[in-house]
Amino acid sequence: MAVMASFVSVAVSILYTPVLLLILCVIFLASIGKSLGVRRLYVNILLKLFEYGRQHIEVAKKLQRSDSSDEEDHPGAGDEKPPSALVKENGVNGTKMSVIERQEILGPSPELNYKRSHSQERISNGYKVLKAENELEFHVDHCMDLMKAGVEAIIEDQVTSVFEAEELRSWNLLTRTNRQYEFLTWRLTIIWAMGFVVRYLFLLPLRILIFIIGVLATIASMSVIGALPRCRARAAVGAVAYKMAMRSLVRCVSCVTNFHDTRHRPRHNGFCVANHTSPIDVAVLSVNDCFSLIGQRHDGFLGILQRALARASPHIWFERSEVKDRHAVARRLKEHISVPDNPPILIFPEGTCINNTSVMQFKKGSFEVGGTIYPVAIKYDPRFGDAFWNSSRYGMLHYLLNMMSSWAIVCDVWYLPPMTRAENETAVDFANRVKGAIARRGGLVDLMWDGQLKRMKAKKEWRELQQEEFSRRLKGE
């Protein structure tokens, strides 16, 4: 025990200075928005390592399949199952494949039915048959499309699948999706063990230290700025401190962001609207821009950050009772955009995190206030780490631990041209138009369902509307 204690003390004395210098260098570069290119080099090395692992997995699986076929040709050689039977295979290389192919004929309300069907006429689905005397006759097969859609929803509904972690096409040396590959061959076992040591004994402590220092610096700087008198100088200093804080926070997860079409960045007062995958979406978008955040007041760690940010810049935090009051929210938003010097409001209209594969229904609140909408599409690369936050399963600190123990967080951000509400266009139609543009640019699935179905059952009004539609079909109307 004494030998171990002396060894640890010597190691700490040797590594203390270089580790401290490394942390200070990372925080300084983050604060000024510069990079030495180490993270991108690190990501490129990881890609080569993943490719090496994928090739070994394929070779090992081929050998195991050949061994299993030999055992089938020579029965009695043994009763044990081949190792390949123990490998989890969802589709190709671990990709979660859809069980069914949908026609997308059902939506939350009847007017959305058949919205994405290849045939916009229900005649092609056998909905109506006209007799020679121009009378409408009902047949049972006219309802088969609805029955098929119901069975599809039972087998694999769209809402549940977007709140589960995205499956990977290839193994990334983590054990969160495929838990058998690390023991498939001795080479993969060695690579996985070395990666485990690097992630948990080097990267994780380093990231935790960067995170703690960044949070403390944010709270201290925002408190100092909050004590200054309100003027343009304070707003400018607050904007700089805000961006410095967000840059420090993204460095604690080794985030590498690729920005596209930066000429469309939100530069004026208005609304920046983006799809929502993770709480770090705010930090990713705030690396180069200052935003006013809007949301519900929280307790705990998030509440500490909210109060610190609100001291130095104009953010909008609602009490739990106020969030349900649409008129109060709209009034606060109008008051904010009426001040020309206020930064754009960053809004995630889905209201919850989606698993990086889809975009769900946008709430219409921010689209009926007025002002310019700056759409932004965010897409994370799941090969390096899962950025999706399943808030119903993990708390914030648990989620941050998963993020910090991943290899890295790599994402692409696309800035879309500003959009405004057209004349005679409803807020719902405008929200759907913005959502469709974000989905197309980010390569995401455009879903019409409300993301709050993650926590609640379908609204009674939705069920009644579908029942009325079905009854009219039975009557032949």
Protein backbone atom coordinates (compact mmCIF):
# COMPACT_ATOMS: atom_id res chain seq x y z
CA MET A 1 0.00 0.00 0.00
CA ALA A 2 2.85 2.36 0.81
CA VAL A 3 4.45 1.58 -2.54
CA MET A 4 1.21 2.38 -4.34
CA ALA A 5 0.81 5.66 -2.46
CA SER A 6 4.36 6.69 -3.29
CA PHE A 7 3.85 5.78 -6.94
CA VAL A 8 0.67 7.87 -7.11
CA SER A 9 2.36 10.85 -5.45
CA VAL A 10 5.28 10.69 -7.90
CA ALA A 11 2.91 10.42 -10.88
CA VAL A 12 0.88 13.39 -9.66
CA SER A 13 3.97 15.51 -9.12
CA ILE A 14 5.20 14.71 -12.64
CA LEU A 15 1.86 15.19 -14.45
CA TYR A 16 0.51 18.12 -12.43
CA THR A 17 2.29 20.90 -14.34
CA PRO A 18 1.75 19.63 -17.93
CA VAL A 19 -1.91 18.79 -17.28
CA LEU A 20 -2.53 22.21 -15.74
CA LEU A 21 -0.86 23.92 -18.68
CA LEU A 22 -2.93 21.83 -21.09
CA ILE A 23 -6.18 22.82 -19.36
CA LEU A 24 -5.25 26.50 -19.31
CA CYS A 25 -4.27 26.35 -22.99
CA VAL A 26 -7.59 24.71 -23.93
CA ILE A 27 -9.61 27.27 -21.97
CA PHE A 28 -7.63 30.22 -23.38
CA LEU A 29 -8.04 29.04 -26.99
CA ALA A 30 -11.73 28.40 -26.38
CA SER A 31 -12.26 31.86 -24.93
CA ILE A 32 -10.86 33.57 -28.02
CA GLY A 33 -12.53 31.16 -30.44
CA LYS A 34 -9.32 29.71 -31.84
CA SER A 35 -8.14 26.16 -32.39
CA LEU A 36 -4.83 24.49 -33.18
CA GLY A 37 -6.52 21.74 -35.20
CA VAL A 38 -5.83 19.03 -32.61
CA ARG A 39 -9.49 18.04 -32.29
CA ARG A 40 -9.94 17.62 -36.05
CA LEU A 41 -6.76 15.56 -36.24
CA TYR A 42 -8.07 13.48 -33.33
CA VAL A 43 -11.38 12.92 -35.15
CA ASN A 44 -9.59 11.82 -38.35
CA ILE A 45 -7.51 9.32 -36.37
CA LEU A 46 -10.69 7.95 -34.79
CA LEU A 47 -12.25 7.43 -38.22
CA LYS A 48 -9.25 5.35 -39.32
CA LEU A 49 -9.45 3.37 -36.10
CA PHE A 50 -13.17 2.70 -36.58
CA GLU A 51 -12.52 1.55 -40.14
CA TYR A 52 -9.79 -0.80 -38.92
CA GLY A 53 -12.21 -2.25 -36.36
CA ARG A 54 -14.96 -2.63 -38.96
CA GLN A 55 -12.70 -4.62 -41.26
CA HIS A 56 -11.68 -6.95 -38.44
CA ILE A 57 -15.30 -7.45 -37.44
CA GLU A 58 -16.29 -8.42 -40.98
CA VAL A 59 -13.37 -10.85 -41.30
CA ALA A 60 -14.14 -12.43 -37.91
CA LYS A 61 -17.83 -12.81 -38.76
CA LYS A 62 -17.01 -14.44 -42.11
CA LEU A 63 -14.71 -16.92 -40.38
CA GLN A 64 -17.36 -17.69 -37.79
CA ARG A 65 -20.00 -18.24 -40.45
CA SER A 66 -17.70 -20.62 -42.30
CA ASP A 67 -17.01 -22.48 -39.04
CA SER A 68 -20.71 -22.74 -38.30
CA SER A 69 -21.40 -24.07 -41.81
CA ASP A 70 -18.69 -26.70 -41.31
CA GLU A 71 -20.34 -27.77 -38.06
CA GLU A 72 -23.67 -28.11 -39.85
CA ASP A 73 -22.00 -30.28 -42.47
CA HIS A 74 -20.46 -32.44 -39.70
CA PRO A 75 -23.19 -32.91 -37.05
CA GLY A 76 -22.14 -34.15 -33.65
CA ALA A 77 -18.99 -32.08 -33.56
CA GLY A 78 -20.38 -30.14 -30.61
CA ASP A 79 -23.62 -28.79 -29.19
CA GLU A 80 -22.38 -25.26 -28.48
CA LYS A 81 -23.67 -22.39 -30.57
CA PRO A 82 -21.17 -20.70 -32.90
CA PRO A 83 -19.78 -17.36 -31.67
CA SER A 84 -21.52 -15.58 -34.55
CA ALA A 85 -24.85 -16.40 -32.91
CA LEU A 86 -23.83 -14.22 -29.98
CA VAL A 87 -23.18 -11.13 -32.12
CA LYS A 88 -25.97 -8.60 -32.21
CA GLU A 89 -26.88 -7.88 -35.83
CA ASN A 90 -29.61 -5.39 -36.56
CA GLY A 91 -29.61 -5.10 -40.31
CA VAL A 92 -26.29 -4.22 -41.94
CA ASN A 93 -23.34 -3.66 -39.60
CA GLY A 94 -25.57 -3.06 -36.61
CA THR A 95 -27.88 -0.56 -38.32
CA LYS A 96 -31.42 -0.53 -37.00
CA MET A 97 -33.56 -1.24 -40.02
CA SER A 98 -37.25 -0.40 -40.31
CA VAL A 99 -39.49 -3.40 -40.01
CA ILE A 100 -42.06 -1.99 -42.41
CA GLU A 101 -42.32 0.46 -45.26
CA ARG A 102 -45.02 3.03 -44.67
CA GLN A 103 -47.26 5.01 -46.97
CA GLU A 104 -47.64 7.84 -44.41
CA ILE A 105 -51.42 8.05 -44.73
CA LEU A 106 -52.32 8.98 -41.15
CA GLY A 107 -51.65 12.20 -39.30
CA PRO A 108 -52.81 13.92 -36.12
CA SER A 109 -55.88 15.22 -37.98
CA PRO A 110 -57.78 14.01 -41.07
CA GLU A 111 -56.66 16.93 -43.23
CA LEU A 112 -53.09 15.63 -42.87
CA ASN A 113 -54.01 12.13 -44.03
CA TYR A 114 -52.28 11.00 -47.22
CA LYS A 115 -50.04 14.07 -47.00
CA ARG A 116 -46.94 12.14 -48.05
CA SER A 117 -48.57 9.37 -50.01
CA HIS A 118 -47.34 8.98 -53.57
CA SER A 119 -50.92 9.09 -54.73
CA GLN A 120 -52.85 12.11 -53.55
CA GLU A 121 -56.16 10.63 -54.66
CA ARG A 122 -57.92 8.10 -52.53
CA ILE A 123 -59.24 6.44 -55.64
CA SER A 124 -55.87 4.66 -55.97
CA ASN A 125 -56.36 3.22 -52.47
CA GLY A 126 -59.79 1.89 -53.31
CA TYR A 127 -61.54 4.55 -51.34
CA LYS A 128 -64.54 4.89 -53.60
CA VAL A 129 -66.10 3.02 -56.44
CA LEU A 130 -68.56 4.82 -58.67
CA LYS A 131 -71.26 2.84 -60.30
CA ALA A 132 -72.57 3.63 -63.73
CA GLU A 133 -75.42 5.59 -62.18
CA ASN A 134 -72.87 7.73 -60.33
CA GLU A 135 -73.71 6.30 -56.87
CA LEU A 136 -71.12 5.69 -54.15
CA GLU A 137 -70.93 2.12 -52.89
CA PHE A 138 -68.91 1.06 -49.82
CA HIS A 139 -66.78 -2.07 -49.73
CA VAL A 140 -64.78 -3.43 -46.82
CA ASP A 141 -61.56 -3.19 -48.79
CA HIS A 142 -61.97 0.60 -48.84
CA CYS A 143 -60.83 0.64 -45.18
CA MET A 144 -57.90 -1.71 -45.63
CA ASP A 145 -55.44 1.19 -45.88
CA LEU A 146 -56.48 2.42 -42.43
CA MET A 147 -56.28 -1.09 -41.01
CA LYS A 148 -52.83 -1.50 -42.52
CA ALA A 149 -51.72 1.81 -41.00
CA GLY A 150 -53.00 0.67 -37.59
CA VAL A 151 -51.08 -2.61 -37.79
CA GLU A 152 -47.97 -0.68 -38.87
CA ALA A 153 -48.28 1.56 -35.82
CA ILE A 154 -48.58 -1.50 -33.56
CA ILE A 155 -45.50 -3.12 -35.08
CA GLU A 156 -43.35 -0.01 -35.18
CA ASP A 157 -44.83 3.39 -34.39
CA GLN A 158 -42.97 6.49 -35.52
CA VAL A 159 -43.12 8.40 -32.25
CA THR A 160 -41.48 5.81 -29.99
CA SER A 161 -38.64 5.17 -32.43
CA VAL A 162 -37.49 8.82 -32.45
CA PHE A 163 -36.93 8.76 -28.69
CA GLU A 164 -34.49 5.86 -28.76
CA ALA A 165 -30.75 6.14 -29.38
CA GLU A 166 -29.78 6.03 -33.04
CA GLU A 167 -28.21 2.71 -34.07
CA LEU A 168 -24.83 2.81 -35.77
CA ARG A 169 -23.79 1.36 -39.09
CA SER A 170 -20.41 0.38 -37.68
CA TRP A 171 -18.99 -0.18 -34.20
CA ASN A 172 -17.31 2.83 -32.59
CA LEU A 173 -15.45 0.88 -29.87
CA LEU A 174 -18.10 1.86 -27.31
CA THR A 175 -20.27 -0.73 -25.58
CA ARG A 176 -23.52 1.25 -25.62
CA THR A 177 -25.02 -0.27 -28.76
CA ASN A 178 -23.25 -3.55 -29.53
CA ARG A 179 -21.83 -5.24 -26.47
CA GLN A 180 -20.19 -8.29 -28.02
CA TYR A 181 -17.81 -6.86 -30.60
CA GLU A 182 -15.09 -5.99 -28.07
CA PHE A 183 -14.60 -9.71 -27.38
CA LEU A 184 -14.91 -10.93 -30.95
CA THR A 185 -11.14 -11.16 -31.55
CA TRP A 186 -8.11 -10.53 -29.39
CA ARG A 187 -7.07 -7.55 -31.55
CA LEU A 188 -10.43 -5.85 -31.01
CA THR A 189 -10.22 -6.61 -27.30
CA ILE A 190 -6.84 -4.87 -27.05
CA ILE A 191 -8.06 -1.86 -29.06
CA TRP A 192 -11.21 -1.57 -26.95
CA ALA A 193 -9.22 -1.85 -23.68
CA MET A 194 -6.79 0.86 -24.81
CA GLY A 195 -9.73 3.07 -25.81
CA PHE A 196 -11.34 2.48 -22.42
CA VAL A 197 -8.17 3.61 -20.66
CA VAL A 198 -7.86 6.71 -22.87
CA ARG A 199 -11.50 7.75 -22.42
CA TYR A 200 -11.90 7.15 -18.70
CA LEU A 201 -8.40 7.75 -17.33
CA PHE A 202 -7.31 10.66 -19.54
CA LEU A 203 -10.15 12.32 -21.46
CA LEU A 204 -12.86 12.11 -18.79
CA PRO A 205 -10.85 13.70 -15.93
CA LEU A 206 -9.50 16.35 -18.30
CA ARG A 207 -12.98 17.20 -19.57
CA ILE A 208 -14.45 17.31 -16.07
CA LEU A 209 -11.76 19.79 -15.00
CA ILE A 210 -12.39 21.94 -18.07
CA PHE A 211 -16.13 21.81 -17.38
CA ILE A 212 -15.77 22.81 -13.73
CA ILE A 213 -13.38 25.66 -14.52
CA GLY A 214 -15.62 26.85 -17.36
CA VAL A 215 -18.76 26.84 -15.20
CA LEU A 216 -17.04 28.67 -12.34
CA ALA A 217 -15.58 31.24 -14.74
CA THR A 218 -19.01 31.73 -16.32
CA ILE A 219 -20.73 32.31 -12.98
CA ALA A 220 -18.01 34.70 -11.81
CA SER A 221 -17.84 36.73 -15.04
CA MET A 222 -21.62 36.99 -15.37
CA SER A 223 -21.89 38.17 -11.77
CA VAL A 224 -19.32 40.91 -12.37
CA ILE A 225 -21.02 42.03 -15.59
CA GLY A 226 -24.40 42.03 -13.86
CA ALA A 227 -23.09 44.58 -11.36
CA LEU A 228 -22.27 47.07 -14.13
CA PRO A 229 -24.77 49.83 -15.02
CA ARG A 230 -27.02 49.10 -17.99
CA CYS A 231 -25.53 50.56 -21.16
CA ARG A 232 -24.31 49.50 -24.58
CA ALA A 233 -20.86 48.73 -23.22
CA ARG A 234 -22.34 46.29 -20.73
CA ALA A 235 -24.33 44.59 -23.50
CA ALA A 236 -21.21 44.24 -25.64
CA VAL A 237 -19.16 42.82 -22.76
CA GLY A 238 -22.04 40.49 -21.86
CA ALA A 239 -22.18 39.17 -25.43
CA VAL A 240 -18.44 38.44 -25.40
CA ALA A 241 -18.67 36.72 -22.01
CA TYR A 242 -21.65 34.67 -23.25
CA LYS A 243 -19.74 33.37 -26.27
CA MET A 244 -16.64 32.67 -24.18
CA ALA A 245 -18.73 30.63 -21.73
CA MET A 246 -20.35 28.58 -24.50
CA ARG A 247 -17.01 27.93 -26.19
CA SER A 248 -15.58 26.60 -22.94
CA LEU A 249 -18.58 24.32 -22.44
CA VAL A 250 -18.34 22.73 -25.90
CA ARG A 251 -14.63 22.05 -25.39
CA CYS A 252 -15.40 19.82 -22.40
CA VAL A 253 -16.99 17.26 -24.79
CA SER A 254 -14.37 17.69 -27.57
CA CYS A 255 -17.02 19.13 -29.87
CA VAL A 256 -16.06 19.67 -33.51
CA THR A 257 -18.60 21.73 -35.46
CA ASN A 258 -18.70 22.23 -39.22
CA PHE A 259 -20.60 25.40 -40.11
CA HIS A 260 -22.14 25.74 -43.58
CA ASP A 261 -23.63 28.75 -45.39
CA THR A 262 -22.48 31.16 -42.69
CA ARG A 263 -23.63 34.10 -44.80
CA HIS A 264 -27.15 33.33 -43.51
CA ARG A 265 -26.17 33.57 -39.84
CA PRO A 266 -28.74 35.47 -37.74
CA ARG A 267 -27.34 38.96 -37.33
CA HIS A 268 -30.44 40.98 -36.50
CA ASN A 269 -33.26 40.86 -34.04
CA GLY A 270 -35.68 38.02 -34.69
CA PHE A 271 -35.95 34.29 -34.04
CA CYS A 272 -33.33 31.62 -34.67
CA VAL A 273 -35.25 28.34 -35.04
CA ALA A 274 -33.49 24.95 -34.97
CA ASN A 275 -34.23 21.27 -34.49
CA HIS A 276 -33.45 19.94 -31.03
CA THR A 277 -31.31 16.91 -30.19
CA SER A 278 -29.31 17.83 -27.13
CA PRO A 279 -28.95 20.55 -24.48
CA ILE A 280 -25.57 21.38 -26.03
CA ASP A 281 -27.42 22.61 -29.14
CA VAL A 282 -27.42 26.00 -27.41
CA ALA A 283 -23.65 25.95 -26.90
CA VAL A 284 -22.98 24.70 -30.44
CA LEU A 285 -24.94 27.55 -32.02
CA SER A 286 -23.61 30.12 -29.56
CA VAL A 287 -19.96 29.59 -30.43
CA ASN A 288 -20.09 32.35 -33.04
CA ASP A 289 -23.30 34.20 -32.18
CA CYS A 290 -24.93 35.69 -29.11
CA PHE A 291 -28.55 34.66 -28.51
CA SER A 292 -31.27 35.37 -26.04
CA LEU A 293 -32.49 32.09 -24.64
CA ILE A 294 -36.07 31.27 -23.76
CA GLY A 295 -37.34 28.47 -21.60
CA GLN A 296 -38.76 27.29 -18.32
CA ARG A 297 -36.98 28.02 -15.08
CA HIS A 298 -35.19 24.98 -13.70
CA ASP A 299 -33.76 23.97 -10.39
CA GLY A 300 -30.40 22.35 -9.76
CA PHE A 301 -27.46 22.74 -12.12
CA LEU A 302 -29.49 24.13 -15.03
CA GLY A 303 -31.07 26.68 -12.72
CA ILE A 304 -27.64 27.90 -11.60
CA LEU A 305 -26.58 28.44 -15.22
CA GLN A 306 -29.86 30.17 -16.07
CA ARG A 307 -29.53 32.66 -13.23
CA ALA A 308 -25.89 33.33 -14.08
CA LEU A 309 -26.64 34.01 -17.75
CA ALA A 310 -29.61 36.22 -16.93
CA ARG A 311 -27.39 38.61 -14.93
CA ALA A 312 -25.45 39.73 -17.99
CA SER A 313 -27.71 39.31 -21.03
CA PRO A 314 -31.47 39.53 -21.79
CA HIS A 315 -32.83 35.99 -21.54
CA ILE A 316 -36.47 35.00 -21.08
CA TRP A 317 -37.18 32.47 -18.34
CA PHE A 318 -40.73 31.48 -17.49
CA GLU A 319 -42.18 30.00 -14.35
CA ARG A 320 -43.92 26.66 -14.75
CA SER A 321 -47.36 28.30 -14.51
CA GLU A 322 -46.49 30.90 -17.16
CA VAL A 323 -45.34 28.41 -19.80
CA LYS A 324 -48.91 27.21 -20.35
CA ASP A 325 -50.14 30.78 -20.84
CA ARG A 326 -49.64 31.35 -24.57
CA HIS A 327 -50.63 35.02 -24.34
CA ALA A 328 -48.01 35.71 -21.66
CA VAL A 329 -45.33 34.00 -23.72
CA ALA A 330 -46.33 35.90 -26.86
CA ARG A 331 -46.29 39.19 -24.96
CA ARG A 332 -42.78 38.57 -23.63
CA LEU A 333 -41.54 37.63 -27.10
CA LYS A 334 -43.02 40.75 -28.68
CA GLU A 335 -41.48 42.93 -25.99
CA HIS A 336 -38.08 41.39 -26.68
CA ILE A 337 -38.07 41.76 -30.47
CA SER A 338 -39.39 45.33 -30.17
CA VAL A 339 -35.96 46.37 -28.81
CA PRO A 340 -33.59 46.66 -31.81
CA ASP A 341 -30.43 46.07 -29.77
CA ASN A 342 -31.58 42.75 -28.32
CA PRO A 343 -29.93 39.66 -29.82
CA PRO A 344 -32.02 37.08 -31.71
CA ILE A 345 -34.06 34.64 -29.64
CA LEU A 346 -32.92 31.03 -29.95
CA ILE A 347 -35.95 28.73 -30.00
CA PHE A 348 -36.39 24.97 -30.35
CA PRO A 349 -40.07 24.73 -31.35
CA GLU A 350 -40.24 20.94 -30.93
CA GLY A 351 -40.21 21.41 -27.19
CA THR A 352 -38.21 18.24 -26.52
CA CYS A 353 -35.10 16.42 -27.71
CA ILE A 354 -35.40 14.11 -30.74
CA ASN A 355 -32.86 11.38 -31.52
CA ASN A 356 -31.03 13.08 -34.40
CA THR A 357 -33.02 11.24 -37.08
CA SER A 358 -36.23 13.27 -37.39
CA VAL A 359 -37.92 16.63 -36.93
CA MET A 360 -41.27 16.64 -35.15
CA GLN A 361 -44.11 19.15 -34.98
CA PHE A 362 -43.11 22.79 -34.43
CA LYS A 363 -45.23 24.71 -31.93
CA LYS A 364 -46.82 27.70 -33.60
CA GLY A 365 -46.22 30.20 -30.76
CA SER A 366 -43.04 31.78 -32.07
CA PHE A 367 -44.39 31.82 -35.64
CA GLU A 368 -47.45 33.94 -34.89
CA VAL A 369 -45.58 36.72 -33.08
CA GLY A 370 -44.07 38.16 -36.24
CA GLY A 371 -40.50 39.03 -37.08
CA THR A 372 -37.87 37.27 -39.18
CA ILE A 373 -37.19 33.55 -38.76
CA TYR A 374 -33.61 32.32 -39.20
CA PRO A 375 -33.84 28.52 -39.69
CA VAL A 376 -30.88 26.36 -38.66
CA ALA A 377 -30.43 22.60 -39.19
CA ILE A 378 -28.24 20.60 -36.79
CA LYS A 379 -27.09 17.06 -37.51
CA TYR A 380 -24.76 15.10 -35.21
CA ASP A 381 -22.41 12.35 -36.36
CA PRO A 382 -23.34 9.31 -34.21
CA ARG A 383 -20.10 7.49 -34.97
CA PHE A 384 -18.21 9.38 -32.26
CA GLY A 385 -20.84 9.69 -29.55
CA ASP A 386 -24.59 9.79 -29.02
CA ALA A 387 -25.64 13.41 -28.45
CA PHE A 388 -29.33 12.60 -27.94
CA TRP A 389 -30.64 13.30 -24.44
CA ASN A 390 -33.44 10.98 -23.36
CA SER A 391 -34.64 13.15 -20.48
CA SER A 392 -37.17 10.56 -19.35
CA ARG A 393 -34.37 8.07 -18.73
CA TYR A 394 -31.29 10.09 -17.75
CA GLY A 395 -30.79 13.13 -15.58
CA MET A 396 -28.65 16.05 -16.68
CA LEU A 397 -25.50 15.00 -14.79
CA HIS A 398 -25.79 11.40 -16.01
CA TYR A 399 -26.20 12.67 -19.55
CA LEU A 400 -23.14 14.93 -19.25
CA LEU A 401 -21.12 11.99 -17.95
CA ASN A 402 -22.11 9.93 -21.00
CA MET A 403 -21.14 12.80 -23.27
CA MET A 404 -17.78 13.38 -21.59
CA SER A 405 -16.90 9.69 -21.69
CA SER A 406 -17.62 9.47 -25.44
CA TRP A 407 -14.91 9.85 -28.04
CA ALA A 408 -16.07 13.25 -29.24
CA ILE A 409 -19.13 15.17 -30.44
CA VAL A 410 -19.05 16.00 -34.14
CA CYS A 411 -21.88 17.88 -35.82
CA ASP A 412 -22.80 19.88 -38.91
CA VAL A 413 -24.72 23.15 -38.75
CA TRP A 414 -26.46 24.61 -41.80
CA TYR A 415 -27.70 28.20 -41.79
CA LEU A 416 -30.74 28.60 -44.07
CA PRO A 417 -31.91 31.84 -45.71
CA PRO A 418 -34.18 34.00 -43.52
CA MET A 419 -37.90 33.31 -43.85
CA THR A 420 -40.93 35.50 -43.16
CA ARG A 421 -44.60 34.70 -42.90
CA ALA A 422 -46.45 35.22 -46.16
CA GLU A 423 -49.77 36.98 -46.49
CA ASN A 424 -52.78 34.76 -45.80
CA GLU A 425 -50.44 32.10 -44.38
CA THR A 426 -51.42 30.72 -41.01
CA ALA A 427 -48.92 30.30 -38.22
CA VAL A 428 -49.26 26.50 -38.48
CA ASP A 429 -48.51 26.52 -42.21
CA PHE A 430 -45.54 28.82 -41.66
CA ALA A 431 -44.19 26.55 -38.92
CA ASN A 432 -44.57 23.51 -41.18
CA ARG A 433 -42.80 25.34 -44.02
CA VAL A 434 -39.84 26.18 -41.78
CA LYS A 435 -39.79 22.63 -40.38
CA GLY A 436 -39.76 21.13 -43.87
CA ALA A 437 -36.83 23.34 -44.91
CA ILE A 438 -34.82 22.31 -41.84
CA ALA A 439 -35.59 18.63 -42.38
CA ARG A 440 -34.54 18.70 -46.03
CA ARG A 441 -31.28 20.53 -45.36
CA GLY A 442 -30.29 18.38 -42.40
CA GLY A 443 -31.26 15.08 -44.03
CA LEU A 444 -33.87 14.42 -41.33
CA VAL A 445 -37.28 12.76 -41.50
CA ASP A 446 -40.12 15.30 -41.46
CA LEU A 447 -42.77 14.04 -39.01
CA MET A 448 -46.07 15.74 -38.27
CA TRP A 449 -46.48 14.31 -34.75
CA ASP A 450 -46.21 16.35 -31.56
CA GLY A 451 -43.00 15.66 -29.62
CA GLN A 452 -44.94 15.86 -26.35
CA LEU A 453 -46.31 12.39 -27.16
CA LYS A 454 -43.07 11.32 -25.51
CA ARG A 455 -44.68 12.17 -22.17
CA MET A 456 -48.43 12.06 -22.76
CA LYS A 457 -51.08 10.15 -24.64
CA ALA A 458 -52.60 11.29 -27.91
CA LYS A 459 -55.12 14.09 -27.50
CA LYS A 460 -58.75 13.09 -27.28
CA GLU A 461 -59.57 15.54 -30.09
CA TRP A 462 -57.21 13.71 -32.45
CA ARG A 463 -58.92 10.39 -31.81
CA GLU A 464 -62.39 11.86 -32.26
CA LEU A 465 -61.44 13.49 -35.58
CA GLN A 466 -60.13 10.20 -36.93
CA GLN A 467 -63.25 8.41 -35.71
CA GLU A 468 -65.46 10.93 -37.51
CA GLU A 469 -63.40 10.52 -40.68
CA PHE A 470 -63.71 6.74 -40.48
CA SER A 471 -67.47 6.91 -39.85
CA ARG A 472 -67.94 9.11 -42.93
CA ARG A 473 -66.05 6.56 -44.95
CA LEU A 474 -68.28 3.76 -43.66
CA LYS A 475 -71.37 5.76 -44.60
CA GLY A 476 -69.97 6.36 -48.08
CA GLU A 477 -70.03 10.13 -47.71
